[in-house]
Amino acid sequence: MSAQKSAVIFAWILLLPAVLYVLAIVAYPLVDTFILSFTDASLRKVTNWVGWANYEKIFNNTFAEVILRTFIWTFFSVALKMIIGTFGAAMLNAAVPGRSLFRLLTMPPWIVPMAIGIFMWGWMYNGQFGMISGLLQRFGLVDGPVAFLAYGSTAFWATIVTDVWIGVPLVTIYFLAAIQSIPKDLYEAAWTDGAGRWYRFRRITLPLMVPAIITMSMLSLIATFNSFDIIWILTQGGPSGETTTMIIDTYQTAIGSKKYGEGAARAVLICIFLSLFCFAYFRVTRRLNPEKRA
């Protein structure tokens, strides 16, 4: 047996535990969910094969609104995290006024457990004793208490703000690492030519951060698209379904209503969307990296 063939066999032996883990934890549940989506499985009756009936129900009801709401929620959450994280990383990297304050504000989402942080935001959104409503009244911006989570329009944006607060630290640290990997010679050459700070940021920092921004955008998009804790703890999809996203609707259908077949169909649809996102990500990164196209 050649040395090269032995090395290949040894590599597969090392990969075998990971392969078995993926098959057991990822592949089997995925296939089982796909099969379940073609049945009327529930706690109330014997499971029967119904074909595409569950998928027809999805597109015959208000689920289209849920899909649109999910995309809007994900878009604004990810966009805000990318924007704040980019400028936050630039502030942490440069000796500018406010850097220490931003470092201090970056820490709480890391220190506080997610559930406790979400409950804290729920308290601040409360109309009777919440801090935000109290401050708005004190400065005369509103006439009375504002219950942010009681109205669809304000509850929707309140959940986005909470998600951004939780996600910004990771984005900031990731972008800070990307900025610090940029060769200092480029900044020194630009500074010698008389380029200002804003010009250097636009012409050097941002272009060289594009791969990191694309990667973090995709990771954040997947996490935000699948985000459950924030919306469920704050509003449970209310009021009147105004904050119900695909993952919340799937949970309410499969677990709340015990309609496992219909819930599985919704889960399959979520998997399809995420697969399309990943496919687009790989296409973009392949174009940005000429070596991978060769």
C-alpha atoms as a PDB file:
ATOM      1  CA  MET A   1       0.000   0.000   0.000  1.00  0.00           C
ATOM      2  CA  SER A   2       1.425   3.368  -1.024  1.00  0.00           C
ATOM      3  CA  ALA A   3       2.119   6.086   1.523  1.00  0.00           C
ATOM      4  CA  GLN A   4      -0.387   8.414  -0.156  1.00  0.00           C
ATOM      5  CA  LYS A   5      -3.197   5.836   0.044  1.00  0.00           C
ATOM      6  CA  SER A   6      -2.379   5.156   3.684  1.00  0.00           C
ATOM      7  CA  ALA A   7      -2.570   8.867   4.422  1.00  0.00           C
ATOM      8  CA  VAL A   8      -6.002   9.076   2.770  1.00  0.00           C
ATOM      9  CA  ILE A   9      -7.294   6.112   4.805  1.00  0.00           C
ATOM     10  CA  PHE A  10      -5.886   7.601   8.003  1.00  0.00           C
ATOM     11  CA  ALA A  11      -7.565  10.939   7.205  1.00  0.00           C
ATOM     12  CA  TRP A  12     -10.945   9.233   6.740  1.00  0.00           C
ATOM     13  CA  ILE A  13     -10.488   7.389  10.041  1.00  0.00           C
ATOM     14  CA  LEU A  14      -9.936  10.731  11.750  1.00  0.00           C
ATOM     15  CA  LEU A  15     -13.015  12.184  10.026  1.00  0.00           C
ATOM     16  CA  LEU A  16     -15.244   9.214  10.843  1.00  0.00           C
ATOM     17  CA  PRO A  17     -16.426  10.468  14.282  1.00  0.00           C
ATOM     18  CA  ALA A  18     -17.391  13.829  12.782  1.00  0.00           C
ATOM     19  CA  VAL A  19     -19.180  12.127   9.869  1.00  0.00           C
ATOM     20  CA  LEU A  20     -21.142   9.868  12.236  1.00  0.00           C
ATOM     21  CA  TYR A  21     -22.027  12.886  14.384  1.00  0.00           C
ATOM     22  CA  VAL A  22     -23.346  14.829  11.390  1.00  0.00           C
ATOM     23  CA  LEU A  23     -25.361  11.837  10.185  1.00  0.00           C
ATOM     24  CA  ALA A  24     -26.887  11.233  13.613  1.00  0.00           C
ATOM     25  CA  ILE A  25     -27.488  14.825  14.722  1.00  0.00           C
ATOM     26  CA  VAL A  26     -28.143  16.601  11.407  1.00  0.00           C
ATOM     27  CA  ALA A  27     -28.889  14.275   8.520  1.00  0.00           C
ATOM     28  CA  TYR A  28     -31.326  11.879  10.233  1.00  0.00           C
ATOM     29  CA  PRO A  29     -33.528  14.588  11.837  1.00  0.00           C
ATOM     30  CA  LEU A  30     -33.532  16.504   8.550  1.00  0.00           C
ATOM     31  CA  VAL A  31     -34.696  13.496   6.529  1.00  0.00           C
ATOM     32  CA  ASP A  32     -37.226  12.540   9.202  1.00  0.00           C
ATOM     33  CA  THR A  33     -38.658  16.070   9.233  1.00  0.00           C
ATOM     34  CA  PHE A  34     -38.935  16.056   5.450  1.00  0.00           C
ATOM     35  CA  ILE A  35     -40.883  12.773   5.521  1.00  0.00           C
ATOM     36  CA  LEU A  36     -43.040  14.026   8.404  1.00  0.00           C
ATOM     37  CA  SER A  37     -44.017  17.090   6.358  1.00  0.00           C
ATOM     38  CA  PHE A  38     -46.002  14.850   3.993  1.00  0.00           C
ATOM     39  CA  THR A  39     -48.156  13.442   6.796  1.00  0.00           C
ATOM     40  CA  ASP A  40     -50.937  14.729   9.057  1.00  0.00           C
ATOM     41  CA  ALA A  41     -49.054  13.685  12.202  1.00  0.00           C
ATOM     42  CA  SER A  42     -50.533  15.031  15.432  1.00  0.00           C
ATOM     43  CA  LEU A  43     -51.525  13.872  18.913  1.00  0.00           C
ATOM     44  CA  ARG A  44     -55.186  13.590  17.979  1.00  0.00           C
ATOM     45  CA  LYS A  45     -55.239  10.945  15.261  1.00  0.00           C
ATOM     46  CA  VAL A  46     -53.371   8.186  13.467  1.00  0.00           C
ATOM     47  CA  THR A  47     -50.704   9.461  11.077  1.00  0.00           C
ATOM     48  CA  ASN A  48     -51.722   9.352   7.409  1.00  0.00           C
ATOM     49  CA  TRP A  49     -49.856  10.228   4.224  1.00  0.00           C
ATOM     50  CA  VAL A  50     -51.309  13.480   2.820  1.00  0.00           C
ATOM     51  CA  GLY A  51     -48.803  14.326   0.101  1.00  0.00           C
ATOM     52  CA  TRP A  52     -48.452  18.051  -0.602  1.00  0.00           C
ATOM     53  CA  ALA A  53     -51.491  19.034   1.475  1.00  0.00           C
ATOM     54  CA  ASN A  54     -49.425  20.636   4.252  1.00  0.00           C
ATOM     55  CA  TYR A  55     -47.522  22.764   1.751  1.00  0.00           C
ATOM     56  CA  GLU A  56     -50.765  23.803   0.073  1.00  0.00           C
ATOM     57  CA  LYS A  57     -52.090  24.953   3.468  1.00  0.00           C
ATOM     58  CA  ILE A  58     -48.988  27.073   3.962  1.00  0.00           C
ATOM     59  CA  PHE A  59     -49.553  29.051   0.771  1.00  0.00           C
ATOM     60  CA  ASN A  60     -53.318  29.193   1.151  1.00  0.00           C
ATOM     61  CA  ASN A  61     -53.294  31.026   4.502  1.00  0.00           C
ATOM     62  CA  THR A  62     -51.519  34.078   5.896  1.00  0.00           C
ATOM     63  CA  PHE A  63     -48.114  32.403   5.983  1.00  0.00           C
ATOM     64  CA  ALA A  64     -46.999  34.619   3.090  1.00  0.00           C
ATOM     65  CA  GLU A  65     -47.286  37.597   5.457  1.00  0.00           C
ATOM     66  CA  VAL A  66     -45.197  35.710   8.002  1.00  0.00           C
ATOM     67  CA  ILE A  67     -42.500  35.070   5.384  1.00  0.00           C
ATOM     68  CA  LEU A  68     -42.422  38.737   4.371  1.00  0.00           C
ATOM     69  CA  ARG A  69     -42.293  39.838   8.014  1.00  0.00           C
ATOM     70  CA  THR A  70     -39.433  37.432   8.663  1.00  0.00           C
ATOM     71  CA  PHE A  71     -37.398  38.837   5.784  1.00  0.00           C
ATOM     72  CA  ILE A  72     -38.042  42.430   6.885  1.00  0.00           C
ATOM     73  CA  TRP A  73     -37.143  41.605  10.489  1.00  0.00           C
ATOM     74  CA  THR A  74     -33.985  39.805   9.418  1.00  0.00           C
ATOM     75  CA  PHE A  75     -32.928  42.514   6.966  1.00  0.00           C
ATOM     76  CA  PHE A  76     -33.137  45.411   9.421  1.00  0.00           C
ATOM     77  CA  SER A  77     -31.595  43.419  12.277  1.00  0.00           C
ATOM     78  CA  VAL A  78     -28.620  42.263  10.222  1.00  0.00           C
ATOM     79  CA  ALA A  79     -28.149  45.643   8.508  1.00  0.00           C
ATOM     80  CA  LEU A  80     -28.093  47.523  11.810  1.00  0.00           C
ATOM     81  CA  LYS A  81     -25.673  45.032  13.357  1.00  0.00           C
ATOM     82  CA  MET A  82     -23.335  45.350  10.377  1.00  0.00           C
ATOM     83  CA  ILE A  83     -23.434  49.161  10.378  1.00  0.00           C
ATOM     84  CA  ILE A  84     -23.019  49.599  14.132  1.00  0.00           C
ATOM     85  CA  GLY A  85     -20.427  46.817  14.294  1.00  0.00           C
ATOM     86  CA  THR A  86     -18.355  48.369  11.501  1.00  0.00           C
ATOM     87  CA  PHE A  87     -18.188  51.831  13.027  1.00  0.00           C
ATOM     88  CA  GLY A  88     -17.818  50.348  16.496  1.00  0.00           C
ATOM     89  CA  ALA A  89     -14.813  48.315  15.404  1.00  0.00           C
ATOM     90  CA  ALA A  90     -13.302  51.408  13.793  1.00  0.00           C
ATOM     91  CA  MET A  91     -13.763  53.312  17.055  1.00  0.00           C
ATOM     92  CA  LEU A  92     -12.181  50.530  19.109  1.00  0.00           C
ATOM     93  CA  ASN A  93      -9.220  50.423  16.744  1.00  0.00           C
ATOM     94  CA  ALA A  94      -8.579  54.151  16.556  1.00  0.00           C
ATOM     95  CA  ALA A  95      -7.674  56.644  19.251  1.00  0.00           C
ATOM     96  CA  VAL A  96     -10.878  58.675  19.008  1.00  0.00           C
ATOM     97  CA  PRO A  97     -13.059  60.288  21.677  1.00  0.00           C
ATOM     98  CA  GLY A  98     -15.652  57.872  23.013  1.00  0.00           C
ATOM     99  CA  ARG A  99     -13.633  54.709  22.481  1.00  0.00           C
ATOM    100  CA  SER A 100     -13.622  53.821  26.173  1.00  0.00           C
ATOM    101  CA  LEU A 101     -17.365  54.410  26.429  1.00  0.00           C
ATOM    102  CA  PHE A 102     -18.085  52.185  23.438  1.00  0.00           C
ATOM    103  CA  ARG A 103     -15.884  49.454  24.920  1.00  0.00           C
ATOM    104  CA  LEU A 104     -17.914  49.688  28.124  1.00  0.00           C
ATOM    105  CA  LEU A 105     -21.213  49.518  26.225  1.00  0.00           C
ATOM    106  CA  THR A 106     -19.982  46.499  24.274  1.00  0.00           C
ATOM    107  CA  MET A 107     -19.528  44.321  27.351  1.00  0.00           C
ATOM    108  CA  PRO A 108     -23.039  43.877  28.903  1.00  0.00           C
ATOM    109  CA  PRO A 109     -24.470  41.640  26.137  1.00  0.00           C
ATOM    110  CA  TRP A 110     -21.476  39.346  26.640  1.00  0.00           C
ATOM    111  CA  ILE A 111     -21.669  39.313  30.434  1.00  0.00           C
ATOM    112  CA  VAL A 112     -25.451  39.075  30.870  1.00  0.00           C
ATOM    113  CA  PRO A 113     -27.094  35.743  29.907  1.00  0.00           C
ATOM    114  CA  MET A 114     -29.340  36.137  26.871  1.00  0.00           C
ATOM    115  CA  ALA A 115     -32.623  35.325  28.639  1.00  0.00           C
ATOM    116  CA  ILE A 116     -31.891  37.786  31.448  1.00  0.00           C
ATOM    117  CA  GLY A 117     -30.922  40.462  28.935  1.00  0.00           C
ATOM    118  CA  ILE A 118     -34.185  39.946  27.023  1.00  0.00           C
ATOM    119  CA  PHE A 119     -36.210  40.160  30.246  1.00  0.00           C
ATOM    120  CA  MET A 120     -34.355  43.371  31.054  1.00  0.00           C
ATOM    121  CA  TRP A 121     -35.409  44.851  27.710  1.00  0.00           C
ATOM    122  CA  GLY A 122     -38.966  43.693  28.342  1.00  0.00           C
ATOM    123  CA  TRP A 123     -38.906  45.606  31.617  1.00  0.00           C
ATOM    124  CA  MET A 124     -37.580  48.741  29.904  1.00  0.00           C
ATOM    125  CA  TYR A 125     -40.339  48.509  27.258  1.00  0.00           C
ATOM    126  CA  ASN A 126     -43.076  48.327  29.914  1.00  0.00           C
ATOM    127  CA  GLY A 127     -45.488  51.253  29.718  1.00  0.00           C
ATOM    128  CA  GLN A 128     -46.148  51.605  33.455  1.00  0.00           C
ATOM    129  CA  PHE A 129     -42.709  51.252  35.052  1.00  0.00           C
ATOM    130  CA  GLY A 130     -40.362  50.917  32.074  1.00  0.00           C
ATOM    131  CA  MET A 131     -37.351  53.186  31.848  1.00  0.00           C
ATOM    132  CA  ILE A 132     -37.834  54.141  28.191  1.00  0.00           C
ATOM    133  CA  SER A 133     -41.448  55.234  28.657  1.00  0.00           C
ATOM    134  CA  GLY A 134     -40.484  57.125  31.814  1.00  0.00           C
ATOM    135  CA  LEU A 135     -37.699  59.023  30.058  1.00  0.00           C
ATOM    136  CA  LEU A 136     -39.958  59.944  27.142  1.00  0.00           C
ATOM    137  CA  GLN A 137     -42.542  61.339  29.553  1.00  0.00           C
ATOM    138  CA  ARG A 138     -39.969  63.209  31.609  1.00  0.00           C
ATOM    139  CA  PHE A 139     -38.587  64.988  28.543  1.00  0.00           C
ATOM    140  CA  GLY A 140     -42.092  65.777  27.313  1.00  0.00           C
ATOM    141  CA  LEU A 141     -41.859  63.698  24.164  1.00  0.00           C
ATOM    142  CA  VAL A 142     -45.070  61.772  24.962  1.00  0.00           C
ATOM    143  CA  ASP A 143     -48.150  62.682  26.980  1.00  0.00           C
ATOM    144  CA  GLY A 144     -48.619  59.368  28.762  1.00  0.00           C
ATOM    145  CA  PRO A 145     -47.193  55.890  29.263  1.00  0.00           C
ATOM    146  CA  VAL A 146     -46.108  54.077  26.118  1.00  0.00           C
ATOM    147  CA  ALA A 147     -46.443  50.288  26.163  1.00  0.00           C
ATOM    148  CA  PHE A 148     -44.066  49.430  23.341  1.00  0.00           C
ATOM    149  CA  LEU A 149     -44.908  45.734  23.323  1.00  0.00           C
ATOM    150  CA  ALA A 150     -48.664  46.299  23.254  1.00  0.00           C
ATOM    151  CA  TYR A 151     -48.818  47.663  19.708  1.00  0.00           C
ATOM    152  CA  GLY A 152     -47.733  45.856  16.564  1.00  0.00           C
ATOM    153  CA  SER A 153     -45.651  48.643  15.010  1.00  0.00           C
ATOM    154  CA  THR A 154     -43.662  49.443  18.150  1.00  0.00           C
ATOM    155  CA  ALA A 155     -43.352  45.809  19.256  1.00  0.00           C
ATOM    156  CA  PHE A 156     -41.856  44.848  15.899  1.00  0.00           C
ATOM    157  CA  TRP A 157     -39.106  47.465  16.142  1.00  0.00           C
ATOM    158  CA  ALA A 158     -38.594  46.776  19.854  1.00  0.00           C
ATOM    159  CA  THR A 159     -37.666  43.176  19.071  1.00  0.00           C
ATOM    160  CA  ILE A 160     -35.260  44.388  16.379  1.00  0.00           C
ATOM    161  CA  VAL A 161     -33.541  46.753  18.837  1.00  0.00           C
ATOM    162  CA  THR A 162     -33.157  43.925  21.342  1.00  0.00           C
ATOM    163  CA  ASP A 163     -31.704  41.603  18.705  1.00  0.00           C
ATOM    164  CA  VAL A 164     -29.251  44.287  17.592  1.00  0.00           C
ATOM    165  CA  TRP A 165     -28.158  44.904  21.188  1.00  0.00           C
ATOM    166  CA  ILE A 166     -27.421  41.204  21.635  1.00  0.00           C
ATOM    167  CA  GLY A 167     -25.676  40.742  18.284  1.00  0.00           C
ATOM    168  CA  VAL A 168     -23.548  43.881  17.962  1.00  0.00           C
ATOM    169  CA  PRO A 169     -20.702  42.810  20.323  1.00  0.00           C
ATOM    170  CA  LEU A 170     -19.846  39.685  18.302  1.00  0.00           C
ATOM    171  CA  VAL A 171     -19.950  41.642  15.043  1.00  0.00           C
ATOM    172  CA  THR A 172     -17.796  44.403  16.526  1.00  0.00           C
ATOM    173  CA  ILE A 173     -15.119  42.035  17.823  1.00  0.00           C
ATOM    174  CA  TYR A 174     -15.061  40.126  14.524  1.00  0.00           C
ATOM    175  CA  PHE A 175     -14.698  43.329  12.499  1.00  0.00           C
ATOM    176  CA  LEU A 176     -12.060  44.636  14.908  1.00  0.00           C
ATOM    177  CA  ALA A 177      -9.969  41.530  14.204  1.00  0.00           C
ATOM    178  CA  ALA A 178     -10.446  42.122  10.465  1.00  0.00           C
ATOM    179  CA  ILE A 179      -9.317  45.757  10.761  1.00  0.00           C
ATOM    180  CA  GLN A 180      -6.258  44.857  12.815  1.00  0.00           C
ATOM    181  CA  SER A 181      -5.205  42.351  10.143  1.00  0.00           C
ATOM    182  CA  ILE A 182      -4.930  45.137   7.537  1.00  0.00           C
ATOM    183  CA  PRO A 183      -1.261  46.019   6.884  1.00  0.00           C
ATOM    184  CA  LYS A 184      -0.277  49.258   8.613  1.00  0.00           C
ATOM    185  CA  ASP A 185       1.862  50.243   5.630  1.00  0.00           C
ATOM    186  CA  LEU A 186      -1.281  51.083   3.659  1.00  0.00           C
ATOM    187  CA  TYR A 187      -2.439  53.576   6.275  1.00  0.00           C
ATOM    188  CA  GLU A 188       1.018  55.097   6.606  1.00  0.00           C
ATOM    189  CA  ALA A 189       1.307  55.545   2.835  1.00  0.00           C
ATOM    190  CA  ALA A 190      -2.149  57.156   2.674  1.00  0.00           C
ATOM    191  CA  TRP A 191      -1.346  59.409   5.635  1.00  0.00           C
ATOM    192  CA  THR A 192       1.917  60.471   3.939  1.00  0.00           C
ATOM    193  CA  ASP A 193      -0.073  61.434   0.830  1.00  0.00           C
ATOM    194  CA  GLY A 194      -2.320  63.643   2.958  1.00  0.00           C
ATOM    195  CA  ALA A 195      -5.358  61.357   3.143  1.00  0.00           C
ATOM    196  CA  GLY A 196      -7.693  62.123   6.016  1.00  0.00           C
ATOM    197  CA  ARG A 197      -9.170  59.666   8.504  1.00  0.00           C
ATOM    198  CA  TRP A 198     -12.510  59.380   6.712  1.00  0.00           C
ATOM    199  CA  TYR A 199     -10.803  58.937   3.345  1.00  0.00           C
ATOM    200  CA  ARG A 200      -8.574  56.170   4.732  1.00  0.00           C
ATOM    201  CA  PHE A 201     -11.615  54.468   6.212  1.00  0.00           C
ATOM    202  CA  ARG A 202     -13.522  54.569   2.897  1.00  0.00           C
ATOM    203  CA  ARG A 203     -10.628  53.698   0.607  1.00  0.00           C
ATOM    204  CA  ILE A 204      -8.623  51.246   2.718  1.00  0.00           C
ATOM    205  CA  THR A 205     -10.552  49.881   5.685  1.00  0.00           C
ATOM    206  CA  LEU A 206     -13.945  49.207   4.122  1.00  0.00           C
ATOM    207  CA  PRO A 207     -12.703  47.594   0.860  1.00  0.00           C
ATOM    208  CA  LEU A 208     -10.362  45.247   2.740  1.00  0.00           C
ATOM    209  CA  MET A 209     -13.130  44.382   5.209  1.00  0.00           C
ATOM    210  CA  VAL A 210     -15.504  43.164   2.490  1.00  0.00           C
ATOM    211  CA  PRO A 211     -14.712  39.427   2.931  1.00  0.00           C
ATOM    212  CA  ALA A 212     -15.205  39.716   6.698  1.00  0.00           C
ATOM    213  CA  ILE A 213     -18.416  41.713   6.235  1.00  0.00           C
ATOM    214  CA  ILE A 214     -19.841  39.125   3.836  1.00  0.00           C
ATOM    215  CA  THR A 215     -18.942  36.225   6.140  1.00  0.00           C
ATOM    216  CA  MET A 216     -20.360  37.876   9.247  1.00  0.00           C
ATOM    217  CA  SER A 217     -23.459  38.991   7.342  1.00  0.00           C
ATOM    218  CA  MET A 218     -24.177  35.391   6.393  1.00  0.00           C
ATOM    219  CA  LEU A 219     -23.569  34.065   9.904  1.00  0.00           C
ATOM    220  CA  SER A 220     -25.705  36.823  11.388  1.00  0.00           C
ATOM    221  CA  LEU A 221     -28.415  36.270   8.770  1.00  0.00           C
ATOM    222  CA  ILE A 222     -28.717  32.578   9.608  1.00  0.00           C
ATOM    223  CA  ALA A 223     -28.764  33.239  13.361  1.00  0.00           C
ATOM    224  CA  THR A 224     -31.270  36.094  13.036  1.00  0.00           C
ATOM    225  CA  PHE A 225     -33.516  34.212  10.632  1.00  0.00           C
ATOM    226  CA  ASN A 226     -33.673  31.359  13.172  1.00  0.00           C
ATOM    227  CA  SER A 227     -33.933  33.657  16.204  1.00  0.00           C
ATOM    228  CA  PHE A 228     -36.573  32.389  18.616  1.00  0.00           C
ATOM    229  CA  ASP A 229     -35.709  33.484  22.150  1.00  0.00           C
ATOM    230  CA  ILE A 230     -35.981  37.242  21.669  1.00  0.00           C
ATOM    231  CA  ILE A 231     -39.423  37.362  20.087  1.00  0.00           C
ATOM    232  CA  TRP A 232     -40.857  34.559  22.212  1.00  0.00           C
ATOM    233  CA  ILE A 233     -39.781  36.061  25.530  1.00  0.00           C
ATOM    234  CA  LEU A 234     -40.827  39.610  24.626  1.00  0.00           C
ATOM    235  CA  THR A 235     -44.091  39.092  22.723  1.00  0.00           C
ATOM    236  CA  GLN A 236     -44.625  35.380  21.927  1.00  0.00           C
ATOM    237  CA  GLY A 237     -45.405  36.556  18.396  1.00  0.00           C
ATOM    238  CA  GLY A 238     -47.993  39.130  19.430  1.00  0.00           C
ATOM    239  CA  PRO A 239     -49.732  41.450  19.533  1.00  0.00           C
ATOM    240  CA  SER A 240     -52.108  39.973  16.949  1.00  0.00           C
ATOM    241  CA  GLY A 241     -49.250  38.140  15.257  1.00  0.00           C
ATOM    242  CA  GLU A 242     -47.402  41.351  14.345  1.00  0.00           C
ATOM    243  CA  THR A 243     -44.073  39.937  15.524  1.00  0.00           C
ATOM    244  CA  THR A 244     -44.652  36.355  14.387  1.00  0.00           C
ATOM    245  CA  THR A 245     -41.769  35.160  12.238  1.00  0.00           C
ATOM    246  CA  MET A 246     -41.371  31.829  10.466  1.00  0.00           C
ATOM    247  CA  ILE A 247     -39.608  30.165  13.385  1.00  0.00           C
ATOM    248  CA  ILE A 248     -42.278  31.402  15.845  1.00  0.00           C
ATOM    249  CA  ASP A 249     -45.086  30.265  13.545  1.00  0.00           C
ATOM    250  CA  THR A 250     -43.440  26.867  13.143  1.00  0.00           C
ATOM    251  CA  TYR A 251     -43.200  26.458  16.911  1.00  0.00           C
ATOM    252  CA  GLN A 252     -46.800  27.540  17.473  1.00  0.00           C
ATOM    253  CA  THR A 253     -48.024  25.116  14.813  1.00  0.00           C
ATOM    254  CA  ALA A 254     -45.928  22.081  15.732  1.00  0.00           C
ATOM    255  CA  ILE A 255     -45.663  22.450  19.515  1.00  0.00           C
ATOM    256  CA  GLY A 256     -48.535  24.769  20.420  1.00  0.00           C
ATOM    257  CA  SER A 257     -51.202  23.240  18.178  1.00  0.00           C
ATOM    258  CA  LYS A 258     -49.619  19.752  18.100  1.00  0.00           C
ATOM    259  CA  LYS A 259     -49.843  19.701  14.289  1.00  0.00           C
ATOM    260  CA  TYR A 260     -46.495  18.054  13.670  1.00  0.00           C
ATOM    261  CA  GLY A 261     -46.999  17.477   9.959  1.00  0.00           C
ATOM    262  CA  GLU A 262     -47.823  21.101   9.226  1.00  0.00           C
ATOM    263  CA  GLY A 263     -45.025  22.254  11.503  1.00  0.00           C
ATOM    264  CA  ALA A 264     -42.565  19.991   9.697  1.00  0.00           C
ATOM    265  CA  ALA A 265     -43.603  21.510   6.357  1.00  0.00           C
ATOM    266  CA  ARG A 266     -42.853  24.960   7.725  1.00  0.00           C
ATOM    267  CA  ALA A 267     -39.484  23.750   9.029  1.00  0.00           C
ATOM    268  CA  VAL A 268     -38.627  22.350   5.588  1.00  0.00           C
ATOM    269  CA  LEU A 269     -39.442  25.716   4.051  1.00  0.00           C
ATOM    270  CA  ILE A 270     -37.123  27.442   6.527  1.00  0.00           C
ATOM    271  CA  CYS A 271     -34.379  24.957   5.618  1.00  0.00           C
ATOM    272  CA  ILE A 272     -34.878  25.734   1.924  1.00  0.00           C
ATOM    273  CA  PHE A 273     -34.526  29.478   2.504  1.00  0.00           C
ATOM    274  CA  LEU A 274     -31.373  29.007   4.580  1.00  0.00           C
ATOM    275  CA  SER A 275     -29.916  26.700   1.929  1.00  0.00           C
ATOM    276  CA  LEU A 276     -30.504  29.386  -0.703  1.00  0.00           C
ATOM    277  CA  PHE A 277     -28.763  31.940   1.532  1.00  0.00           C
ATOM    278  CA  CYS A 278     -25.768  29.622   1.925  1.00  0.00           C
ATOM    279  CA  PHE A 279     -25.655  28.958  -1.821  1.00  0.00           C
ATOM    280  CA  ALA A 280     -25.622  32.703  -2.520  1.00  0.00           C
ATOM    281  CA  TYR A 281     -22.880  33.159   0.088  1.00  0.00           C
ATOM    282  CA  PHE A 282     -20.642  30.526  -1.511  1.00  0.00           C
ATOM    283  CA  ARG A 283     -21.192  32.045  -4.940  1.00  0.00           C
ATOM    284  CA  VAL A 284     -20.200  35.497  -3.697  1.00  0.00           C
ATOM    285  CA  THR A 285     -17.129  34.289  -1.801  1.00  0.00           C
ATOM    286  CA  ARG A 286     -16.051  32.257  -4.824  1.00  0.00           C
ATOM    287  CA  ARG A 287     -16.132  35.378  -6.980  1.00  0.00           C
ATOM    288  CA  LEU A 288     -14.191  37.350  -4.374  1.00  0.00           C
ATOM    289  CA  ASN A 289     -11.501  34.661  -4.190  1.00  0.00           C
ATOM    290  CA  PRO A 290     -10.001  34.034  -7.661  1.00  0.00           C
ATOM    291  CA  GLU A 291      -7.924  31.119  -6.354  1.00  0.00           C
ATOM    292  CA  LYS A 292     -11.082  29.085  -5.604  1.00  0.00           C
ATOM    293  CA  ARG A 293     -12.367  29.597  -9.140  1.00  0.00           C
ATOM    294  CA  ALA A 294      -9.286  28.058 -10.664  1.00  0.00           C
END
